[in-house]
Amino acid sequence: RDLGVMLDDSFSTIRRLLGPGTRKASQA
């Protein structure tokens, strides 16, 4: 799809991984 949309999805995932209490910084 549009690259910007694809990256928006990726960064939404990254922010979830960086959320408080997740401890998934290595995945992010």
PDB file of all heavy atoms in Angstrom:
ATOM      1  N   ARG A   1       0.854  -1.187   0.000  1.00  0.00           N
ATOM      2  CA  ARG A   1       0.000   0.000   0.000  1.00  0.00           C
ATOM      3  C   ARG A   1       0.883   1.228   0.000  1.00  0.00           C
ATOM      4  O   ARG A   1       2.077   1.138  -0.198  1.00  0.00           O
ATOM      5  CB  ARG A   1      -0.892  -0.002   1.248  1.00  0.00           C
ATOM      6  CG  ARG A   1      -1.839  -1.199   1.329  1.00  0.00           C
ATOM      7  CD  ARG A   1      -2.401  -1.337   2.734  1.00  0.00           C
ATOM      8  NE  ARG A   1      -1.369  -1.815   3.653  1.00  0.00           N
ATOM      9  CZ  ARG A   1      -1.454  -1.711   4.963  1.00  0.00           C
ATOM     10  NH1 ARG A   1      -2.485  -1.106   5.518  1.00  0.00           N
ATOM     11  NH2 ARG A   1      -0.494  -2.180   5.732  1.00  0.00           N
ATOM     12  N   ASP A   2       0.273   2.361   0.215  1.00  0.00           N
ATOM     13  CA  ASP A   2       1.046   3.586   0.335  1.00  0.00           C
ATOM     14  C   ASP A   2       2.068   3.422   1.458  1.00  0.00           C
ATOM     15  O   ASP A   2       1.741   2.960   2.551  1.00  0.00           O
ATOM     16  CB  ASP A   2       0.098   4.750   0.639  1.00  0.00           C
ATOM     17  CG  ASP A   2       0.851   6.038   0.873  1.00  0.00           C
ATOM     18  OD1 ASP A   2       1.260   6.665  -0.113  1.00  0.00           O
ATOM     19  OD2 ASP A   2       1.039   6.380   2.052  1.00  0.00           O
ATOM     20  N   LEU A   3       3.328   3.827   1.202  1.00  0.00           N
ATOM     21  CA  LEU A   3       4.395   3.622   2.179  1.00  0.00           C
ATOM     22  C   LEU A   3       4.102   4.331   3.492  1.00  0.00           C
ATOM     23  O   LEU A   3       4.365   3.795   4.570  1.00  0.00           O
ATOM     24  CB  LEU A   3       5.727   4.097   1.605  1.00  0.00           C
ATOM     25  CG  LEU A   3       6.941   3.882   2.504  1.00  0.00           C
ATOM     26  CD1 LEU A   3       7.173   2.400   2.752  1.00  0.00           C
ATOM     27  CD2 LEU A   3       8.187   4.503   1.890  1.00  0.00           C
ATOM     28  N   GLY A   4       3.548   5.547   3.406  1.00  0.00           N
ATOM     29  CA  GLY A   4       3.228   6.282   4.630  1.00  0.00           C
ATOM     30  C   GLY A   4       2.233   5.543   5.500  1.00  0.00           C
ATOM     31  O   GLY A   4       2.364   5.492   6.730  1.00  0.00           O
ATOM     32  N   VAL A   5       1.229   4.917   4.858  1.00  0.00           N
ATOM     33  CA  VAL A   5       0.227   4.136   5.607  1.00  0.00           C
ATOM     34  C   VAL A   5       0.893   2.927   6.253  1.00  0.00           C
ATOM     35  O   VAL A   5       0.625   2.587   7.416  1.00  0.00           O
ATOM     36  CB  VAL A   5      -0.923   3.702   4.676  1.00  0.00           C
ATOM     37  CG1 VAL A   5      -1.885   2.787   5.412  1.00  0.00           C
ATOM     38  CG2 VAL A   5      -1.662   4.914   4.140  1.00  0.00           C
ATOM     39  N   MET A   6       1.789   2.271   5.493  1.00  0.00           N
ATOM     40  CA  MET A   6       2.494   1.106   6.036  1.00  0.00           C
ATOM     41  C   MET A   6       3.335   1.493   7.244  1.00  0.00           C
ATOM     42  O   MET A   6       3.351   0.786   8.263  1.00  0.00           O
ATOM     43  CB  MET A   6       3.380   0.493   4.949  1.00  0.00           C
ATOM     44  CG  MET A   6       2.604  -0.106   3.784  1.00  0.00           C
ATOM     45  SD  MET A   6       3.675  -0.605   2.421  1.00  0.00           S
ATOM     46  CE  MET A   6       4.634  -1.902   3.191  1.00  0.00           C
ATOM     47  N   LEU A   7       4.031   2.627   7.147  1.00  0.00           N
ATOM     48  CA  LEU A   7       4.859   3.061   8.270  1.00  0.00           C
ATOM     49  C   LEU A   7       4.011   3.516   9.445  1.00  0.00           C
ATOM     50  O   LEU A   7       4.389   3.325  10.601  1.00  0.00           O
ATOM     51  CB  LEU A   7       5.817   4.169   7.822  1.00  0.00           C
ATOM     52  CG  LEU A   7       6.922   3.727   6.862  1.00  0.00           C
ATOM     53  CD1 LEU A   7       7.792   4.914   6.452  1.00  0.00           C
ATOM     54  CD2 LEU A   7       7.783   2.638   7.474  1.00  0.00           C
ATOM     55  N   ASP A   8       2.864   4.138   9.167  1.00  0.00           N
ATOM     56  CA  ASP A   8       1.942   4.502  10.255  1.00  0.00           C
ATOM     57  C   ASP A   8       1.575   3.265  11.067  1.00  0.00           C
ATOM     58  O   ASP A   8       1.555   3.286  12.303  1.00  0.00           O
ATOM     59  CB  ASP A   8       0.667   5.141   9.694  1.00  0.00           C
ATOM     60  CG  ASP A   8       0.847   6.626   9.395  1.00  0.00           C
ATOM     61  OD1 ASP A   8       1.702   7.259  10.039  1.00  0.00           O
ATOM     62  OD2 ASP A   8       0.135   7.140   8.521  1.00  0.00           O
ATOM     63  N   ASP A   9       1.275   2.163  10.368  1.00  0.00           N
ATOM     64  CA  ASP A   9       0.938   0.913  11.051  1.00  0.00           C
ATOM     65  C   ASP A   9       2.112   0.415  11.887  1.00  0.00           C
ATOM     66  O   ASP A   9       1.938  -0.032  13.027  1.00  0.00           O
ATOM     67  CB  ASP A   9       0.542  -0.169  10.032  1.00  0.00           C
ATOM     68  CG  ASP A   9      -0.808   0.102   9.395  1.00  0.00           C
ATOM     69  OD1 ASP A   9      -1.542   0.958   9.912  1.00  0.00           O
ATOM     70  OD2 ASP A   9      -1.118  -0.545   8.372  1.00  0.00           O
ATOM     71  N   SER A  10       3.315   0.487  11.293  1.00  0.00           N
ATOM     72  CA  SER A  10       4.502   0.013  12.019  1.00  0.00           C
ATOM     73  C   SER A  10       4.741   0.823  13.286  1.00  0.00           C
ATOM     74  O   SER A  10       5.039   0.264  14.349  1.00  0.00           O
ATOM     75  CB  SER A  10       5.742   0.105  11.115  1.00  0.00           C
ATOM     76  OG  SER A  10       5.643  -0.776  10.019  1.00  0.00           O
ATOM     77  N   PHE A  11       4.588   2.145  13.184  1.00  0.00           N
ATOM     78  CA  PHE A  11       4.851   2.975  14.354  1.00  0.00           C
ATOM     79  C   PHE A  11       3.743   2.854  15.400  1.00  0.00           C
ATOM     80  O   PHE A  11       3.993   3.048  16.587  1.00  0.00           O
ATOM     81  CB  PHE A  11       5.071   4.426  13.937  1.00  0.00           C
ATOM     82  CG  PHE A  11       6.430   4.657  13.331  1.00  0.00           C
ATOM     83  CD1 PHE A  11       6.579   4.893  11.984  1.00  0.00           C
ATOM     84  CD2 PHE A  11       7.566   4.599  14.125  1.00  0.00           C
ATOM     85  CE1 PHE A  11       7.822   5.086  11.420  1.00  0.00           C
ATOM     86  CE2 PHE A  11       8.827   4.791  13.570  1.00  0.00           C
ATOM     87  CZ  PHE A  11       8.960   5.025  12.221  1.00  0.00           C
ATOM     88  N   SER A  12       2.534   2.518  14.972  1.00  0.00           N
ATOM     89  CA  SER A  12       1.475   2.231  15.949  1.00  0.00           C
ATOM     90  C   SER A  12       1.859   1.008  16.765  1.00  0.00           C
ATOM     91  O   SER A  12       1.682   0.966  17.995  1.00  0.00           O
ATOM     92  CB  SER A  12       0.146   1.996  15.234  1.00  0.00           C
ATOM     93  OG  SER A  12      -0.300   3.180  14.601  1.00  0.00           O
ATOM     94  N   THR A  13       2.410   0.001  16.081  1.00  0.00           N
ATOM     95  CA  THR A  13       2.871  -1.208  16.775  1.00  0.00           C
ATOM     96  C   THR A  13       4.031  -0.890  17.707  1.00  0.00           C
ATOM     97  O   THR A  13       4.076  -1.359  18.848  1.00  0.00           O
ATOM     98  CB  THR A  13       3.316  -2.265  15.752  1.00  0.00           C
ATOM     99  OG1 THR A  13       2.212  -2.589  14.894  1.00  0.00           O
ATOM    100  CG2 THR A  13       3.804  -3.531  16.449  1.00  0.00           C
ATOM    101  N   ILE A  14       4.969  -0.057  17.228  1.00  0.00           N
ATOM    102  CA  ILE A  14       6.124   0.304  18.046  1.00  0.00           C
ATOM    103  C   ILE A  14       5.685   1.017  19.317  1.00  0.00           C
ATOM    104  O   ILE A  14       6.187   0.738  20.413  1.00  0.00           O
ATOM    105  CB  ILE A  14       7.091   1.189  17.231  1.00  0.00           C
ATOM    106  CG1 ILE A  14       7.759   0.364  16.124  1.00  0.00           C
ATOM    107  CG2 ILE A  14       8.151   1.833  18.129  1.00  0.00           C
ATOM    108  CD1 ILE A  14       8.485   1.187  15.086  1.00  0.00           C
ATOM    109  N   ARG A  15       4.717   1.930  19.203  1.00  0.00           N
ATOM    110  CA  ARG A  15       4.259   2.666  20.386  1.00  0.00           C
ATOM    111  C   ARG A  15       3.560   1.735  21.371  1.00  0.00           C
ATOM    112  O   ARG A  15       3.659   1.920  22.587  1.00  0.00           O
ATOM    113  CB  ARG A  15       3.336   3.811  19.964  1.00  0.00           C
ATOM    114  CG  ARG A  15       4.103   4.974  19.329  1.00  0.00           C
ATOM    115  CD  ARG A  15       3.263   6.237  19.258  1.00  0.00           C
ATOM    116  NE  ARG A  15       4.074   7.355  18.803  1.00  0.00           N
ATOM    117  CZ  ARG A  15       4.217   7.714  17.543  1.00  0.00           C
ATOM    118  NH1 ARG A  15       3.584   7.029  16.594  1.00  0.00           N
ATOM    119  NH2 ARG A  15       4.982   8.733  17.207  1.00  0.00           N
ATOM    120  N   ARG A  16       2.854   0.726  20.850  1.00  0.00           N
ATOM    121  CA  ARG A  16       2.232  -0.252  21.768  1.00  0.00           C
ATOM    122  C   ARG A  16       3.311  -1.032  22.516  1.00  0.00           C
ATOM    123  O   ARG A  16       3.182  -1.303  23.713  1.00  0.00           O
ATOM    124  CB  ARG A  16       1.337  -1.212  20.988  1.00  0.00           C
ATOM    125  CG  ARG A  16       0.006  -0.607  20.546  1.00  0.00           C
ATOM    126  CD  ARG A  16      -0.997  -1.691  20.171  1.00  0.00           C
ATOM    127  NE  ARG A  16      -0.520  -2.511  19.055  1.00  0.00           N
ATOM    128  CZ  ARG A  16      -0.733  -2.215  17.781  1.00  0.00           C
ATOM    129  NH1 ARG A  16      -1.398  -1.114  17.459  1.00  0.00           N
ATOM    130  NH2 ARG A  16      -0.297  -3.012  16.835  1.00  0.00           N
ATOM    131  N   LEU A  17       4.372  -1.393  21.801  1.00  0.00           N
ATOM    132  CA  LEU A  17       5.460  -2.133  22.439  1.00  0.00           C
ATOM    133  C   LEU A  17       6.194  -1.295  23.477  1.00  0.00           C
ATOM    134  O   LEU A  17       6.772  -1.825  24.426  1.00  0.00           O
ATOM    135  CB  LEU A  17       6.451  -2.618  21.375  1.00  0.00           C
ATOM    136  CG  LEU A  17       5.924  -3.676  20.396  1.00  0.00           C
ATOM    137  CD1 LEU A  17       6.936  -3.916  19.276  1.00  0.00           C
ATOM    138  CD2 LEU A  17       5.618  -4.979  21.121  1.00  0.00           C
ATOM    139  N   LEU A  18       6.190   0.029  23.278  1.00  0.00           N
ATOM    140  CA  LEU A  18       6.876   0.933  24.208  1.00  0.00           C
ATOM    141  C   LEU A  18       5.971   1.417  25.332  1.00  0.00           C
ATOM    142  O   LEU A  18       6.394   2.199  26.179  1.00  0.00           O
ATOM    143  CB  LEU A  18       7.416   2.151  23.448  1.00  0.00           C
ATOM    144  CG  LEU A  18       8.546   1.884  22.447  1.00  0.00           C
ATOM    145  CD1 LEU A  18       8.857   3.151  21.659  1.00  0.00           C
ATOM    146  CD2 LEU A  18       9.796   1.372  23.150  1.00  0.00           C
ATOM    147  N   GLY A  19       4.719   0.956  25.335  1.00  0.00           N
ATOM    148  CA  GLY A  19       3.767   1.403  26.341  1.00  0.00           C
ATOM    149  C   GLY A  19       4.180   1.004  27.743  1.00  0.00           C
ATOM    150  O   GLY A  19       4.984   0.088  27.943  1.00  0.00           O
ATOM    151  N   PRO A  20       3.662   1.709  28.741  1.00  0.00           N
ATOM    152  CA  PRO A  20       4.034   1.412  30.139  1.00  0.00           C
ATOM    153  C   PRO A  20       3.682  -0.024  30.518  1.00  0.00           C
ATOM    154  O   PRO A  20       2.606  -0.526  30.194  1.00  0.00           O
ATOM    155  CB  PRO A  20       3.199   2.426  30.948  1.00  0.00           C
ATOM    156  CG  PRO A  20       2.101   2.873  30.030  1.00  0.00           C
ATOM    157  CD  PRO A  20       2.648   2.773  28.648  1.00  0.00           C
ATOM    158  N   GLY A  21       4.635  -0.686  31.175  1.00  0.00           N
ATOM    159  CA  GLY A  21       4.400  -2.029  31.666  1.00  0.00           C
ATOM    160  C   GLY A  21       4.575  -3.136  30.640  1.00  0.00           C
ATOM    161  O   GLY A  21       4.401  -4.306  30.960  1.00  0.00           O
ATOM    162  N   THR A  22       4.942  -2.796  29.380  1.00  0.00           N
ATOM    163  CA  THR A  22       5.052  -3.838  28.358  1.00  0.00           C
ATOM    164  C   THR A  22       6.407  -4.538  28.365  1.00  0.00           C
ATOM    165  O   THR A  22       6.510  -5.714  28.089  1.00  0.00           O
ATOM    166  CB  THR A  22       4.795  -3.255  26.959  1.00  0.00           C
ATOM    167  OG1 THR A  22       5.730  -2.206  26.726  1.00  0.00           O
ATOM    168  CG2 THR A  22       3.383  -2.712  26.855  1.00  0.00           C
ATOM    169  N   ARG A  23       7.486  -3.784  28.624  1.00  0.00           N
ATOM    170  CA  ARG A  23       8.846  -4.330  28.660  1.00  0.00           C
ATOM    171  C   ARG A  23       9.194  -5.061  27.359  1.00  0.00           C
ATOM    172  O   ARG A  23       9.707  -6.175  27.376  1.00  0.00           O
ATOM    173  CB  ARG A  23       9.025  -5.277  29.847  1.00  0.00           C
ATOM    174  CG  ARG A  23       8.756  -4.617  31.182  1.00  0.00           C
ATOM    175  CD  ARG A  23       9.191  -5.453  32.337  1.00  0.00           C
ATOM    176  NE  ARG A  23       8.986  -4.747  33.574  1.00  0.00           N
ATOM    177  CZ  ARG A  23       9.725  -4.929  34.663  1.00  0.00           C
ATOM    178  NH1 ARG A  23      10.719  -5.778  34.644  1.00  0.00           N
ATOM    179  NH2 ARG A  23       9.484  -4.254  35.759  1.00  0.00           N
ATOM    180  N   LYS A  24       8.883  -4.447  26.262  1.00  0.00           N
ATOM    181  CA  LYS A  24       9.163  -5.058  24.965  1.00  0.00           C
ATOM    182  C   LYS A  24      10.016  -4.127  24.102  1.00  0.00           C
ATOM    183  O   LYS A  24       9.835  -4.035  22.897  1.00  0.00           O
ATOM    184  CB  LYS A  24       7.859  -5.408  24.254  1.00  0.00           C
ATOM    185  CG  LYS A  24       7.047  -6.479  24.981  1.00  0.00           C
ATOM    186  CD  LYS A  24       5.775  -6.825  24.233  1.00  0.00           C
ATOM    187  CE  LYS A  24       4.994  -7.918  24.971  1.00  0.00           C
ATOM    188  NZ  LYS A  24       3.724  -8.248  24.278  1.00  0.00           N
ATOM    189  N   ALA A  25      10.969  -3.445  24.756  1.00  0.00           N
ATOM    190  CA  ALA A  25      11.811  -2.491  24.040  1.00  0.00           C
ATOM    191  C   ALA A  25      12.641  -3.172  22.957  1.00  0.00           C
ATOM    192  O   ALA A  25      12.891  -2.598  21.896  1.00  0.00           O
ATOM    193  CB  ALA A  25      12.722  -1.755  25.021  1.00  0.00           C
ATOM    194  N   SER A  26      13.091  -4.422  23.221  1.00  0.00           N
ATOM    195  CA  SER A  26      13.905  -5.117  22.220  1.00  0.00           C
ATOM    196  C   SER A  26      13.104  -5.400  20.962  1.00  0.00           C
ATOM    197  O   SER A  26      13.619  -5.315  19.838  1.00  0.00           O
ATOM    198  CB  SER A  26      14.460  -6.423  22.792  1.00  0.00           C
ATOM    199  OG  SER A  26      13.407  -7.280  23.185  1.00  0.00           O
ATOM    200  N   GLN A  27      11.795  -5.724  21.125  1.00  0.00           N
ATOM    201  CA  GLN A  27      10.946  -5.944  19.957  1.00  0.00           C
ATOM    202  C   GLN A  27      10.712  -4.641  19.204  1.00  0.00           C
ATOM    203  O   GLN A  27      10.702  -4.614  17.974  1.00  0.00           O
ATOM    204  CB  GLN A  27       9.607  -6.553  20.389  1.00  0.00           C
ATOM    205  CG  GLN A  27       9.726  -7.964  20.949  1.00  0.00           C
ATOM    206  CD  GLN A  27       8.373  -8.525  21.335  1.00  0.00           C
ATOM    207  OE1 GLN A  27       7.374  -8.315  20.648  1.00  0.00           O
ATOM    208  NE2 GLN A  27       8.329  -9.241  22.453  1.00  0.00           N
ATOM    209  N   ALA A  28      10.523  -3.543  19.969  1.00  0.00           N
ATOM    210  CA  ALA A  28      10.331  -2.243  19.341  1.00  0.00           C
ATOM    211  C   ALA A  28      11.576  -1.850  18.551  1.00  0.00           C
ATOM    212  O   ALA A  28      11.482  -1.313  17.436  1.00  0.00           O
ATOM    213  CB  ALA A  28      10.026  -1.187  20.402  1.00  0.00           C
TER     214      ALA A  28
END
